[in-house]
Amino acid sequence: MALFIDEAAVRRLLSMPDAVEEVERAFSARARGQAFDIPRRRTRLPGGHLHILQGGAPDLNLVGYKAYYLQPDKSRTSLLHLINREQGHLEAIIESDALSQIRTGAATGVAARALARKDARVVGLFGSGRHAVTQLEGVCAVRGVQEVKVFGRDASRLAAFCTAMETRLGIPVRPSPSREATVRGSDMVIAMTRASEPVFDGRWIEPGQFIAATGANALDRREIDLATVRRADVLVVDSREVAQGESGDLLPAFENGLLYWENIADLGEVLIGRWPGRSHDEQVTLFESHGMALQDIYTGARVLTLARAQGVGVLLPFGG
């Protein structure tokens, strides 16, 4: 029988360090041709949007898909289905809202480990929503972060976020006085917003910085400007195929002739050494994150293994 695992169990079972390792496995397996990913498909309705991501991981003996439905009031349903690749039966249904947050932060952690300077200590963060939480956790899992500056437009929400994250991470997390101050002096600059216009000026970027633009996974969103793309010595995406259909950040650069898709590295190719990443400390590295089914499948497989080992979840009257 298939196992149902709810949101609360996912949060208990899946740690950020585990998620970082699983997401890195997913990127590397895809780069080696050992795992396969189908970009997100969207069904747009008057009352909300249905999103479906799917992929296959033969090394896990799994094929699967995540389907999530979002409404304007932020109500959501998100479920990951894991199917036994060889036998064809359903192994698990996992509530995947928390899983999505964790694996998205883990992807930035993987990118930071590969592309940020090893001595990176200061983070400048744009955004103070629930995904911003796991963005910080992701980079803190791979670098010795000592200070975080956060910029947000809602002062009360920003203050609450900083207080909660300072307690959670055990390091200073402070509101930033301006957008420019968030970028200046930061070793890692992360944007996790729903912005439709760039959130900072690329002329503020300093040598050696790692930039992660993680919120613009649709063509009507944009977090970085053309100046930021120009400043990037190394530009990496989670998936070129996904980026071409979803990257509101990179499409303007493509249309202006600043980049060509075939000249952009997938993160997995950097991880396995097929494509160069950071080669010296003065380089500016840019990571564009959009989300892939394989991130869900690999982290979901870890959740399933842990749930079975600990007797967590509810058996359903169908499936395996």
Protein backbone atom coordinates (compact mmCIF):
# COMPACT_ATOMS: atom_id res chain seq x y z
CA MET A 1 0.00 0.00 0.00
CA ALA A 2 1.08 3.55 -0.66
CA LEU A 3 2.16 5.78 2.22
CA PHE A 4 0.65 9.21 2.80
CA ILE A 5 2.97 11.71 4.52
CA ASP A 6 1.60 15.06 5.67
CA GLU A 7 3.21 18.51 5.90
CA ALA A 8 3.99 18.28 9.61
CA ALA A 9 5.82 15.00 9.11
CA VAL A 10 7.83 16.42 6.22
CA ARG A 11 9.01 19.30 8.39
CA ARG A 12 10.03 16.89 11.16
CA LEU A 13 11.80 14.44 8.88
CA LEU A 14 13.64 16.55 6.28
CA SER A 15 16.59 18.59 7.51
CA MET A 16 18.23 21.23 5.35
CA PRO A 17 21.62 19.42 5.25
CA ASP A 18 19.84 16.27 4.01
CA ALA A 19 17.94 18.29 1.43
CA VAL A 20 21.15 19.92 0.16
CA GLU A 21 22.72 16.49 -0.36
CA GLU A 22 19.66 15.12 -2.16
CA VAL A 23 19.28 18.16 -4.42
CA GLU A 24 22.96 17.94 -5.33
CA ARG A 25 22.45 14.27 -6.20
CA ALA A 26 19.52 15.26 -8.41
CA PHE A 27 21.50 17.90 -10.32
CA SER A 28 24.49 15.59 -10.79
CA ALA A 29 22.40 12.61 -11.90
CA ARG A 30 20.62 14.72 -14.51
CA ALA A 31 23.92 16.08 -15.83
CA ARG A 32 25.19 12.50 -16.26
CA GLY A 33 22.02 11.47 -18.09
CA GLN A 34 20.94 9.26 -15.17
CA ALA A 35 17.81 11.24 -14.30
CA PHE A 36 15.25 13.08 -16.39
CA ASP A 37 13.19 16.21 -15.85
CA ILE A 38 10.17 17.68 -17.65
CA PRO A 39 9.69 21.45 -17.20
CA ARG A 40 6.67 22.78 -15.35
CA ARG A 41 3.35 22.93 -17.17
CA ARG A 42 0.68 25.40 -16.09
CA THR A 43 -3.09 25.32 -16.47
CA ARG A 44 -4.32 28.87 -15.98
CA LEU A 45 -7.87 29.24 -14.70
CA PRO A 46 -9.90 32.30 -13.62
CA GLY A 47 -9.75 31.19 -9.98
CA GLY A 48 -6.17 29.93 -9.83
CA HIS A 49 -3.37 28.06 -11.57
CA LEU A 50 -2.54 24.35 -11.61
CA HIS A 51 1.18 23.56 -11.95
CA ILE A 52 2.61 20.13 -12.76
CA LEU A 53 6.29 19.11 -12.68
CA GLN A 54 7.42 15.59 -13.54
CA GLY A 55 10.57 13.56 -13.84
CA GLY A 56 12.25 10.20 -13.45
CA ALA A 57 15.13 8.95 -11.28
CA PRO A 58 16.11 5.41 -12.37
CA ASP A 59 18.83 5.25 -9.70
CA LEU A 60 16.06 5.65 -7.09
CA ASN A 61 13.74 3.34 -9.04
CA LEU A 62 11.22 6.18 -9.02
CA VAL A 63 9.22 8.23 -11.46
CA GLY A 64 7.00 10.97 -10.14
CA TYR A 65 5.22 14.25 -10.40
CA LYS A 66 4.25 17.17 -8.21
CA ALA A 67 0.93 18.89 -8.79
CA TYR A 68 0.09 22.10 -6.97
CA TYR A 69 -2.83 24.49 -7.28
CA LEU A 70 -2.56 28.12 -6.21
CA GLN A 71 -5.32 30.68 -5.78
CA PRO A 72 -5.03 34.49 -5.60
CA ASP A 73 -5.66 34.40 -1.84
CA LYS A 74 -2.60 32.10 -1.48
CA SER A 75 -4.71 29.02 -0.71
CA ARG A 76 -2.81 26.03 -2.03
CA THR A 77 -2.86 22.28 -2.51
CA SER A 78 0.48 20.59 -3.26
CA LEU A 79 1.05 16.85 -3.59
CA LEU A 80 4.08 14.84 -4.70
CA HIS A 81 3.39 11.37 -6.13
CA LEU A 82 6.23 8.81 -6.14
CA ILE A 83 5.76 5.75 -8.35
CA ASN A 84 7.85 2.57 -8.46
CA ARG A 85 9.54 2.75 -11.87
CA GLU A 86 9.91 -1.00 -12.40
CA GLN A 87 6.67 -2.30 -10.94
CA GLY A 88 4.47 0.69 -11.70
CA HIS A 89 2.71 0.97 -8.36
CA LEU A 90 2.30 4.09 -6.27
CA GLU A 91 4.83 4.25 -3.41
CA ALA A 92 3.80 7.47 -1.70
CA ILE A 93 1.77 10.66 -1.77
CA ILE A 94 3.56 13.44 0.08
CA GLU A 95 2.11 16.83 0.94
CA SER A 96 4.72 19.02 -0.67
CA ASP A 97 4.30 22.67 0.24
CA ALA A 98 6.97 22.44 2.95
CA LEU A 99 9.00 20.12 0.73
CA SER A 100 9.00 22.75 -2.03
CA GLN A 101 10.22 25.44 0.35
CA ILE A 102 13.02 23.25 1.69
CA ARG A 103 14.24 21.95 -1.66
CA THR A 104 14.22 25.46 -3.15
CA GLY A 105 16.44 26.69 -0.33
CA ALA A 106 18.59 23.58 -0.73
CA ALA A 107 19.13 24.34 -4.43
CA THR A 108 20.54 27.75 -3.47
CA GLY A 109 22.70 26.00 -0.88
CA VAL A 110 24.07 23.65 -3.55
CA ALA A 111 24.76 26.60 -5.84
CA ALA A 112 26.44 28.57 -3.03
CA ARG A 113 28.68 25.63 -2.18
CA ALA A 114 29.76 25.43 -5.84
CA LEU A 115 29.87 29.13 -6.74
CA ALA A 116 30.29 31.32 -3.63
CA ARG A 117 33.70 32.08 -2.18
CA LYS A 118 34.68 29.66 0.55
CA ASP A 119 35.13 32.56 2.98
CA ALA A 120 31.67 34.04 2.28
CA ARG A 121 30.25 35.25 5.61
CA VAL A 122 27.77 38.09 4.96
CA VAL A 123 24.39 37.61 3.28
CA GLY A 124 22.22 40.33 1.77
CA LEU A 125 18.65 39.07 1.36
CA PHE A 126 15.74 40.59 -0.55
CA GLY A 127 12.44 39.20 0.69
CA SER A 128 11.02 38.13 4.04
CA GLY A 129 8.42 35.53 3.11
CA ARG A 130 8.28 31.82 3.87
CA HIS A 131 10.63 30.91 1.02
CA ALA A 132 13.17 33.44 2.31
CA VAL A 133 13.42 31.33 5.48
CA THR A 134 14.74 28.31 3.62
CA GLN A 135 16.95 30.43 1.38
CA LEU A 136 18.87 31.51 4.47
CA GLU A 137 18.90 28.00 5.87
CA GLY A 138 20.27 26.70 2.58
CA VAL A 139 23.28 29.01 2.42
CA CYS A 140 23.93 28.68 6.15
CA ALA A 141 24.13 24.91 5.68
CA VAL A 142 27.13 25.27 3.32
CA ARG A 143 28.93 28.45 4.38
CA GLY A 144 29.91 29.89 7.76
CA VAL A 145 27.49 32.81 7.63
CA GLN A 146 28.06 35.35 10.40
CA GLU A 147 25.74 38.21 9.44
CA VAL A 148 22.51 38.67 7.46
CA LYS A 149 21.02 41.93 6.15
CA VAL A 150 17.41 41.75 4.97
CA PHE A 151 15.50 44.26 2.86
CA GLY A 152 11.71 44.26 2.73
CA ARG A 153 9.01 46.84 2.09
CA ASP A 154 6.76 45.89 5.02
CA ALA A 155 8.59 47.11 8.12
CA SER A 156 6.59 45.11 10.68
CA ARG A 157 6.82 41.88 8.68
CA LEU A 158 10.53 42.48 8.13
CA ALA A 159 11.19 43.01 11.83
CA ALA A 160 9.30 39.84 12.75
CA PHE A 161 11.21 37.87 10.12
CA CYS A 162 14.59 39.09 11.35
CA THR A 163 13.77 38.31 14.98
CA ALA A 164 12.56 34.81 14.13
CA MET A 165 15.53 34.02 11.86
CA GLU A 166 18.07 35.35 14.35
CA THR A 167 16.66 32.94 16.93
CA ARG A 168 16.49 30.12 14.41
CA LEU A 169 20.01 30.52 13.01
CA GLY A 170 21.85 31.86 16.06
CA ILE A 171 23.52 34.69 14.09
CA PRO A 172 22.73 38.42 13.71
CA VAL A 173 19.87 38.99 11.26
CA ARG A 174 19.06 42.67 10.86
CA PRO A 175 16.77 44.83 8.69
CA SER A 176 18.76 46.59 5.98
CA PRO A 177 18.29 50.37 5.71
CA SER A 178 18.25 50.36 1.89
CA ARG A 179 18.46 48.22 -1.21
CA GLU A 180 22.00 49.46 -1.88
CA ALA A 181 23.16 48.62 1.65
CA THR A 182 21.78 45.11 1.19
CA VAL A 183 24.09 44.54 -1.78
CA ARG A 184 27.16 46.52 -0.72
CA GLY A 185 29.50 44.55 1.53
CA SER A 186 27.62 41.26 1.14
CA ASP A 187 29.44 38.13 0.03
CA MET A 188 26.20 36.45 -1.05
CA VAL A 189 23.18 38.37 -2.35
CA ILE A 190 19.89 36.46 -2.53
CA ALA A 191 16.60 37.61 -4.01
CA MET A 192 13.47 35.64 -3.12
CA THR A 193 10.55 37.86 -4.07
CA ARG A 194 7.56 38.04 -6.39
CA ALA A 195 8.84 41.27 -7.92
CA SER A 196 8.01 42.29 -11.48
CA GLU A 197 10.86 44.83 -11.58
CA PRO A 198 14.53 44.42 -10.55
CA VAL A 199 15.01 44.67 -6.79
CA PHE A 200 18.52 46.18 -6.93
CA ASP A 201 20.85 48.02 -9.28
CA GLY A 202 23.52 45.82 -10.83
CA ARG A 203 26.00 48.71 -10.64
CA TRP A 204 26.16 48.07 -6.88
CA ILE A 205 27.59 44.58 -7.34
CA GLU A 206 31.12 44.12 -6.00
CA PRO A 207 33.90 41.75 -7.12
CA GLY A 208 33.67 38.25 -5.68
CA GLN A 209 29.96 38.26 -4.91
CA PHE A 210 27.64 35.30 -5.40
CA ILE A 211 24.19 36.36 -6.59
CA ALA A 212 21.18 34.03 -6.38
CA ALA A 213 17.96 35.12 -8.10
CA THR A 214 15.41 32.59 -6.94
CA GLY A 215 11.94 34.09 -7.17
CA ALA A 216 11.43 34.87 -10.87
CA ASN A 217 10.14 31.54 -12.14
CA ALA A 218 7.66 33.10 -14.57
CA LEU A 219 8.02 35.47 -17.49
CA ASP A 220 6.07 38.23 -15.71
CA ARG A 221 8.51 38.30 -12.79
CA ARG A 222 11.93 39.94 -12.65
CA GLU A 223 14.43 40.38 -9.80
CA ILE A 224 17.67 41.39 -11.55
CA ASP A 225 18.52 43.94 -14.24
CA LEU A 226 20.66 43.78 -17.36
CA ALA A 227 23.58 45.34 -15.48
CA THR A 228 23.63 42.34 -13.14
CA VAL A 229 23.74 39.94 -16.09
CA ARG A 230 26.58 41.95 -17.61
CA ARG A 231 28.54 41.87 -14.33
CA ALA A 232 28.29 38.09 -14.02
CA ASP A 233 31.55 36.35 -14.92
CA VAL A 234 29.86 32.98 -14.38
CA LEU A 235 26.15 32.46 -15.11
CA VAL A 236 24.52 29.20 -14.02
CA VAL A 237 20.90 28.01 -14.11
CA ASP A 238 19.27 24.96 -12.56
CA SER A 239 18.11 23.93 -16.05
CA ARG A 240 18.57 25.66 -19.40
CA GLU A 241 15.37 24.06 -20.67
CA VAL A 242 13.38 25.41 -17.74
CA ALA A 243 15.05 28.83 -17.90
CA GLN A 244 14.09 29.35 -21.55
CA GLY A 245 10.42 28.99 -20.67
CA GLU A 246 10.32 30.63 -17.24
CA SER A 247 13.17 33.05 -16.61
CA GLY A 248 11.77 36.57 -16.48
CA ASP A 249 15.28 37.61 -15.41
CA LEU A 250 17.20 36.19 -18.36
CA LEU A 251 14.75 36.62 -21.25
CA PRO A 252 15.42 40.39 -21.53
CA ALA A 253 19.16 39.67 -21.63
CA PHE A 254 18.60 37.07 -24.36
CA GLU A 255 16.46 39.47 -26.37
CA ASN A 256 19.17 42.15 -26.03
CA GLY A 257 21.88 39.78 -27.26
CA LEU A 258 23.72 39.67 -23.92
CA LEU A 259 23.54 35.89 -23.65
CA TYR A 260 22.82 32.76 -25.63
CA TRP A 261 21.14 29.80 -23.97
CA GLU A 262 23.76 27.34 -25.21
CA ASN A 263 26.47 29.36 -23.43
CA ILE A 264 24.82 29.09 -20.01
CA ALA A 265 25.78 26.25 -17.66
CA ASP A 266 23.37 23.93 -15.89
CA LEU A 267 24.33 23.64 -12.22
CA GLY A 268 24.68 19.87 -12.58
CA GLU A 269 27.30 20.34 -15.30
CA VAL A 270 29.32 22.53 -12.94
CA LEU A 271 29.00 19.96 -10.15
CA ILE A 272 30.37 17.10 -12.25
CA GLY A 273 33.17 19.21 -13.71
CA ARG A 274 31.84 19.41 -17.26
CA TRP A 275 31.47 23.20 -17.09
CA PRO A 276 33.70 25.65 -15.20
CA GLY A 277 32.32 27.36 -12.12
CA ARG A 278 34.14 29.92 -10.00
CA SER A 279 37.86 29.91 -10.81
CA HIS A 280 39.03 32.81 -8.61
CA ASP A 281 37.79 34.95 -5.75
CA GLU A 282 37.24 38.14 -7.75
CA GLN A 283 34.65 36.63 -10.07
CA VAL A 284 30.97 37.53 -9.79
CA THR A 285 28.85 34.39 -10.00
CA LEU A 286 25.12 34.39 -10.74
CA PHE A 287 22.70 31.52 -10.10
CA GLU A 288 19.18 31.57 -11.57
CA SER A 289 16.82 29.14 -9.84
CA HIS A 290 13.39 28.17 -11.25
CA GLY A 291 12.58 24.76 -9.77
CA MET A 292 12.64 21.21 -11.12
CA ALA A 293 10.67 18.04 -10.45
CA LEU A 294 13.87 16.13 -9.73
CA GLN A 295 14.50 18.31 -6.70
CA ASP A 296 11.12 17.17 -5.35
CA ILE A 297 11.63 13.52 -6.29
CA TYR A 298 15.05 13.17 -4.65
CA THR A 299 14.10 15.01 -1.47
CA GLY A 300 10.75 13.22 -1.43
CA ALA A 301 12.55 9.88 -1.66
CA ARG A 302 14.62 10.83 1.40
CA VAL A 303 11.42 11.73 3.27
CA LEU A 304 9.86 8.40 2.28
CA THR A 305 12.88 6.43 3.48
CA LEU A 306 12.91 8.24 6.82
CA ALA A 307 9.14 7.90 7.24
CA ARG A 308 9.28 4.15 6.70
CA ALA A 309 12.20 3.78 9.10
CA GLN A 310 10.41 5.74 11.82
CA GLY A 311 6.91 4.40 11.25
CA VAL A 312 5.57 7.77 10.17
CA GLY A 313 2.66 8.25 7.77
CA VAL A 314 -0.68 6.66 6.96
CA LEU A 315 -1.05 3.61 4.73
CA LEU A 316 -3.55 4.13 1.93
CA PRO A 317 -5.82 1.33 0.66
CA PHE A 318 -4.18 1.31 -2.78
CA GLY A 319 -0.76 1.44 -4.41
CA GLY A 320 2.16 -0.85 -3.58
